[in-house]
Amino acid sequence: QPKGPDPVFAAKTEMEMYTDLFNKIASSCYNKCASRKHRDQDLSLGEMTCTDRCVSKYLESQQLIGGVLQRANESQMQQQQAMQQAQQSMGS
């Protein structure tokens, strides 16, 4: 009986991916939006607006890339299945 994927490994991998995504967003948007002469504890309105847009664009781009990769993987799987069927029909 085949064993399914390990749920603990899947959860750990997903958590690592989200942590990596958060760190990349934080670093990228901070470098782009935070003023270097930051004297106040709070962000200025311009910095907050920039950060909001930056995070939104980053997440949107990740979603688009994910969709492209998913379609590419599905296409590759279909090609592999077609090849296997062709090999089986030639071998029969």
C-alpha atoms as a PDB file:
ATOM      1  CA  GLN A   1       0.000   0.000   0.000  1.00  0.00           C
ATOM      2  CA  PRO A   2       1.618   3.313  -1.103  1.00  0.00           C
ATOM      3  CA  LYS A   3       2.245   5.806   1.634  1.00  0.00           C
ATOM      4  CA  GLY A   4       1.133   9.402   1.081  1.00  0.00           C
ATOM      5  CA  PRO A   5       3.267  12.479   1.600  1.00  0.00           C
ATOM      6  CA  ASP A   6       4.431  13.188   5.127  1.00  0.00           C
ATOM      7  CA  PRO A   7       2.145  15.950   6.495  1.00  0.00           C
ATOM      8  CA  VAL A   8       4.792  17.179   8.953  1.00  0.00           C
ATOM      9  CA  PHE A   9       7.374  17.502   6.161  1.00  0.00           C
ATOM     10  CA  ALA A  10       4.808  19.282   3.959  1.00  0.00           C
ATOM     11  CA  ALA A  11       3.886  21.722   6.750  1.00  0.00           C
ATOM     12  CA  LYS A  12       7.553  22.383   7.568  1.00  0.00           C
ATOM     13  CA  THR A  13       8.395  22.979   3.902  1.00  0.00           C
ATOM     14  CA  GLU A  14       5.426  25.313   3.497  1.00  0.00           C
ATOM     15  CA  MET A  15       6.429  27.258   6.605  1.00  0.00           C
ATOM     16  CA  GLU A  16       9.988  27.605   5.298  1.00  0.00           C
ATOM     17  CA  MET A  17       8.661  28.874   1.959  1.00  0.00           C
ATOM     18  CA  TYR A  18       6.455  31.483   3.654  1.00  0.00           C
ATOM     19  CA  THR A  19       9.304  32.564   5.919  1.00  0.00           C
ATOM     20  CA  ASP A  20      11.583  32.947   2.892  1.00  0.00           C
ATOM     21  CA  LEU A  21       8.894  34.920   1.037  1.00  0.00           C
ATOM     22  CA  PHE A  22       8.351  37.214   4.028  1.00  0.00           C
ATOM     23  CA  ASN A  23      12.097  37.826   4.412  1.00  0.00           C
ATOM     24  CA  LYS A  24      12.494  38.635   0.708  1.00  0.00           C
ATOM     25  CA  ILE A  25       9.532  41.020   0.761  1.00  0.00           C
ATOM     26  CA  ALA A  26      10.720  42.706   3.949  1.00  0.00           C
ATOM     27  CA  SER A  27      14.248  43.170   2.638  1.00  0.00           C
ATOM     28  CA  SER A  28      13.255  44.290  -0.848  1.00  0.00           C
ATOM     29  CA  CYS A  29      10.520  46.696   0.233  1.00  0.00           C
ATOM     30  CA  TYR A  30      12.541  48.109   3.141  1.00  0.00           C
ATOM     31  CA  ASN A  31      15.481  48.851   0.856  1.00  0.00           C
ATOM     32  CA  LYS A  32      13.176  50.440  -1.696  1.00  0.00           C
ATOM     33  CA  CYS A  33      10.849  52.401   0.587  1.00  0.00           C
ATOM     34  CA  ALA A  34      12.416  53.207   3.955  1.00  0.00           C
ATOM     35  CA  SER A  35      14.237  56.501   4.200  1.00  0.00           C
ATOM     36  CA  ARG A  36      17.922  56.268   5.036  1.00  0.00           C
ATOM     37  CA  LYS A  37      17.607  59.302   7.303  1.00  0.00           C
ATOM     38  CA  HIS A  38      14.947  57.609   9.377  1.00  0.00           C
ATOM     39  CA  ARG A  39      14.752  59.472  12.671  1.00  0.00           C
ATOM     40  CA  ASP A  40      11.185  58.716  13.754  1.00  0.00           C
ATOM     41  CA  GLN A  41       9.951  55.420  15.130  1.00  0.00           C
ATOM     42  CA  ASP A  42       6.993  55.457  12.734  1.00  0.00           C
ATOM     43  CA  LEU A  43       7.077  55.356   8.953  1.00  0.00           C
ATOM     44  CA  SER A  44       6.079  58.472   7.057  1.00  0.00           C
ATOM     45  CA  LEU A  45       2.945  58.432   4.889  1.00  0.00           C
ATOM     46  CA  GLY A  46       5.093  58.186   1.760  1.00  0.00           C
ATOM     47  CA  GLU A  47       7.045  55.258   3.177  1.00  0.00           C
ATOM     48  CA  MET A  48       3.834  53.462   4.200  1.00  0.00           C
ATOM     49  CA  THR A  49       2.300  53.996   0.754  1.00  0.00           C
ATOM     50  CA  CYS A  50       5.460  52.799  -0.968  1.00  0.00           C
ATOM     51  CA  THR A  51       5.653  49.719   1.278  1.00  0.00           C
ATOM     52  CA  ASP A  52       1.986  48.878   0.698  1.00  0.00           C
ATOM     53  CA  ARG A  53       2.429  49.078  -3.070  1.00  0.00           C
ATOM     54  CA  CYS A  54       5.710  47.170  -2.954  1.00  0.00           C
ATOM     55  CA  VAL A  55       4.231  44.266  -0.969  1.00  0.00           C
ATOM     56  CA  SER A  56       1.156  44.189  -3.183  1.00  0.00           C
ATOM     57  CA  LYS A  57       3.236  44.076  -6.383  1.00  0.00           C
ATOM     58  CA  TYR A  58       5.592  41.472  -4.946  1.00  0.00           C
ATOM     59  CA  LEU A  59       2.711  39.167  -3.977  1.00  0.00           C
ATOM     60  CA  GLU A  60       0.952  39.717  -7.297  1.00  0.00           C
ATOM     61  CA  SER A  61       4.107  38.839  -9.211  1.00  0.00           C
ATOM     62  CA  GLN A  62       4.615  35.708  -7.105  1.00  0.00           C
ATOM     63  CA  GLN A  63       1.037  34.652  -7.847  1.00  0.00           C
ATOM     64  CA  LEU A  64       1.537  35.193 -11.599  1.00  0.00           C
ATOM     65  CA  ILE A  65       4.808  33.267 -11.564  1.00  0.00           C
ATOM     66  CA  GLY A  66       3.170  30.455  -9.616  1.00  0.00           C
ATOM     67  CA  GLY A  67       0.406  30.206 -12.220  1.00  0.00           C
ATOM     68  CA  VAL A  68       2.904  30.081 -15.085  1.00  0.00           C
ATOM     69  CA  LEU A  69       4.946  27.377 -13.337  1.00  0.00           C
ATOM     70  CA  GLN A  70       1.832  25.350 -12.543  1.00  0.00           C
ATOM     71  CA  ARG A  71       0.715  25.423 -16.191  1.00  0.00           C
ATOM     72  CA  ALA A  72       4.223  24.471 -17.320  1.00  0.00           C
ATOM     73  CA  ASN A  73       4.273  21.525 -14.892  1.00  0.00           C
ATOM     74  CA  GLU A  74       0.840  20.378 -16.057  1.00  0.00           C
ATOM     75  CA  SER A  75       1.965  20.585 -19.676  1.00  0.00           C
ATOM     76  CA  GLN A  76       5.118  18.622 -18.911  1.00  0.00           C
ATOM     77  CA  MET A  77       3.099  15.929 -17.110  1.00  0.00           C
ATOM     78  CA  GLN A  78       0.746  15.644 -20.087  1.00  0.00           C
ATOM     79  CA  GLN A  79       3.708  15.265 -22.439  1.00  0.00           C
ATOM     80  CA  GLN A  80       5.220  12.556 -20.228  1.00  0.00           C
ATOM     81  CA  GLN A  81       1.905  10.702 -20.103  1.00  0.00           C
ATOM     82  CA  ALA A  82       1.572  10.914 -23.883  1.00  0.00           C
ATOM     83  CA  MET A  83       5.111   9.550 -24.289  1.00  0.00           C
ATOM     84  CA  GLN A  84       4.404   6.684 -21.902  1.00  0.00           C
ATOM     85  CA  GLN A  85       1.203   5.822 -23.758  1.00  0.00           C
ATOM     86  CA  ALA A  86       3.043   5.918 -27.092  1.00  0.00           C
ATOM     87  CA  GLN A  87       5.795   3.676 -25.716  1.00  0.00           C
ATOM     88  CA  GLN A  88       3.238   1.252 -24.324  1.00  0.00           C
ATOM     89  CA  SER A  89       1.323   1.082 -27.592  1.00  0.00           C
ATOM     90  CA  MET A  90       4.553   0.478 -29.520  1.00  0.00           C
ATOM     91  CA  GLY A  91       5.620  -2.204 -27.066  1.00  0.00           C
ATOM     92  CA  SER A  92       2.298  -4.043 -27.142  1.00  0.00           C
END
